[in-house]
Every structure is written in structure tokens, then in C-alpha cells.
Amino acid sequence: QVQLVESGGGLVQPGGSLRLSCTASRYISSIYTVAWYRQAPGSERESVALINSDDTINYADSVKGRFTISRDNAKNTVYLQMNSLRPEDTAVYYCYVRHSYSGTFYWGQGTQVTVSS
């Protein structure tokens, strides 16, 4: 079992930046795919950024060039640096990890990001 705890969300003005963190309760090796998802009110949960077990990275088209995902295995932490934030980035952001072989996956509880002036 893995518990994931997100932090770093909040209220920011358009054009601002936030860095989200997701810390796991135990060591998450590179065999785990790690990702950030988000869900806006009335919308389905969507993938924002993902690091595959082979270290390839994928971003949603809507965040390319603005968001950066990274991981620090030594700290059991995944980050999402979000720059040039827009009102449409407003959502609850969730951390997700999945074992690449077994398929076992875990979700964090979510952190609210609100972009508004």
C-alpha cells in the first residue's frame, strides 16, 4: 500500500506560478509510472503530465511549454511546476502512481488550484 499526499495548491493570479508536490509513504522506484491528473468542476479527470518507467515524459497539449513534471526518487516525491497559469487551469490536481508490471495504482487525495484575478 502507498499513500500519496499532495501539497502546494492554492489561489494564484493569471500568469503566476505554483509548484505542486506529491510525497509517497514509501520508496517509489523508477519502475513506477508517475503522473499528475486534474479535474475541473463538471469535467472528467484528465492527464496533465506523466513520467513513464523508461523516463519518457508526456504532457497534455494544453500545458506543453508551461508545466514541468519531475521526480526525486530519493525523496519519494513527484513535482509539477506550473508557470504562466491560466483560469482554465483551475481544477483539483491529483497525483497518481502505477507499478509498470503489476498495474497496481494509487491516487492522492487531490489539491485545489484556483487561477483567478
Protein backbone atom coordinates (compact mmCIF):
# COMPACT_ATOMS: atom_id res chain seq x y z
CA GLN A 1 0.00 0.00 0.00
CA VAL A 2 1.18 3.50 -0.86
CA GLN A 3 -0.24 6.73 0.49
CA LEU A 4 0.25 9.83 -1.63
CA VAL A 5 0.00 13.31 -0.17
CA GLU A 6 -0.18 16.33 -2.44
CA SER A 7 0.65 19.87 -1.40
CA GLY A 8 1.33 23.25 -2.98
CA GLY A 9 -2.07 24.13 -4.33
CA GLY A 10 -3.76 27.46 -3.75
CA LEU A 11 -5.04 30.65 -5.30
CA VAL A 12 -2.86 32.38 -7.88
CA GLN A 13 -3.40 35.18 -10.38
CA PRO A 14 -3.31 34.53 -14.12
CA GLY A 15 0.27 34.40 -15.31
CA GLY A 16 1.50 33.23 -11.93
CA SER A 17 3.26 30.05 -10.89
CA LEU A 18 2.78 27.21 -8.44
CA ARG A 19 4.73 24.08 -7.65
CA LEU A 20 2.81 21.01 -6.59
CA SER A 21 4.47 18.22 -4.63
CA CYS A 22 3.37 14.63 -4.14
CA THR A 23 5.14 12.64 -1.46
CA ALA A 24 4.73 8.90 -1.20
CA SER A 25 4.67 6.96 2.06
CA ARG A 26 7.43 4.65 0.84
CA TYR A 27 10.09 4.42 -1.80
CA ILE A 28 8.80 4.72 -5.34
CA SER A 29 11.37 3.32 -7.75
CA SER A 30 11.67 4.17 -11.39
CA ILE A 31 9.59 1.08 -12.18
CA TYR A 32 6.57 3.17 -11.25
CA THR A 33 4.93 5.46 -13.74
CA VAL A 34 4.12 8.75 -12.02
CA ALA A 35 1.65 11.32 -13.21
CA TRP A 36 -0.46 14.34 -12.44
CA TYR A 37 -4.13 14.48 -13.37
CA ARG A 38 -6.67 17.21 -12.88
CA GLN A 39 -10.41 17.50 -12.70
CA ALA A 40 -12.37 20.70 -13.15
CA PRO A 41 -15.98 21.03 -11.97
CA GLY A 42 -18.30 19.26 -14.38
CA SER A 43 -15.43 17.73 -16.33
CA GLU A 44 -13.77 14.35 -16.48
CA ARG A 45 -10.41 13.75 -14.89
CA GLU A 46 -7.66 14.29 -17.43
CA SER A 47 -3.97 13.53 -17.62
CA VAL A 48 -1.73 16.58 -17.34
CA ALA A 49 1.80 15.16 -17.25
CA LEU A 50 3.37 11.75 -16.92
CA ILE A 51 6.80 10.18 -16.45
CA ASN A 52 6.96 6.65 -17.77
CA SER A 53 9.15 3.93 -16.25
CA ASP A 54 11.59 4.46 -19.14
CA ASP A 55 11.81 8.16 -18.14
CA THR A 56 9.97 9.40 -21.19
CA ILE A 57 7.65 12.30 -20.41
CA ASN A 58 4.28 13.17 -21.86
CA TYR A 59 2.29 16.36 -21.47
CA ALA A 60 -1.23 17.32 -22.36
CA ASP A 61 -1.21 19.72 -25.30
CA SER A 62 -2.88 22.35 -23.15
CA VAL A 63 0.09 22.55 -20.74
CA LYS A 64 3.07 21.96 -23.02
CA GLY A 65 5.71 24.65 -22.55
CA ARG A 66 4.14 25.82 -19.29
CA PHE A 67 4.21 22.82 -16.95
CA THR A 68 7.15 20.61 -15.99
CA ILE A 69 6.91 17.27 -14.22
CA SER A 70 9.87 15.84 -12.33
CA ARG A 71 10.60 13.17 -9.76
CA ASP A 72 13.09 12.77 -6.94
CA ASN A 73 13.16 9.09 -6.06
CA ALA A 74 15.42 9.71 -3.06
CA LYS A 75 12.73 11.92 -1.55
CA ASN A 76 9.80 9.76 -2.75
CA THR A 77 8.41 12.93 -4.32
CA VAL A 78 6.96 13.95 -7.65
CA TYR A 79 6.68 17.61 -8.60
CA LEU A 80 4.63 19.64 -11.03
CA GLN A 81 5.99 23.10 -11.77
CA MET A 82 3.22 25.19 -13.27
CA ASN A 83 4.07 28.50 -14.93
CA SER A 84 2.01 31.01 -16.91
CA LEU A 85 -1.14 29.76 -15.23
CA ARG A 86 -4.49 30.44 -16.85
CA PRO A 87 -8.03 30.45 -15.44
CA GLU A 88 -8.71 27.25 -17.37
CA ASP A 89 -6.03 25.51 -15.31
CA THR A 90 -8.34 25.78 -12.31
CA ALA A 91 -9.02 22.25 -11.05
CA VAL A 92 -8.28 19.73 -8.36
CA TYR A 93 -4.89 18.20 -9.15
CA TYR A 94 -4.25 14.57 -8.30
CA CYS A 95 -1.05 12.60 -8.05
CA TYR A 96 -1.05 9.08 -9.50
CA VAL A 97 1.48 6.26 -9.45
CA ARG A 98 1.26 2.88 -11.14
CA HIS A 99 3.54 -0.14 -10.99
CA SER A 100 4.56 -0.80 -14.57
CA TYR A 101 4.44 -4.60 -14.24
CA SER A 102 1.61 -5.39 -11.83
CA GLY A 103 -0.58 -2.46 -12.82
CA THR A 104 -1.28 -1.65 -9.19
CA PHE A 105 -2.04 2.05 -8.90
CA TYR A 106 -2.65 4.67 -6.25
CA TRP A 107 -4.22 8.13 -6.16
CA GLY A 108 -3.58 11.04 -3.88
CA GLN A 109 -6.41 12.95 -2.25
CA GLY A 110 -6.04 15.98 -4.53
CA THR A 111 -5.06 19.60 -4.08
CA GLN A 112 -7.08 22.57 -5.30
CA VAL A 113 -5.54 25.01 -7.76
CA THR A 114 -7.50 28.16 -8.49
CA VAL A 115 -6.32 30.69 -11.07
CA SER A 116 -8.25 33.92 -10.76
CA SER A 117 -7.73 37.64 -10.53
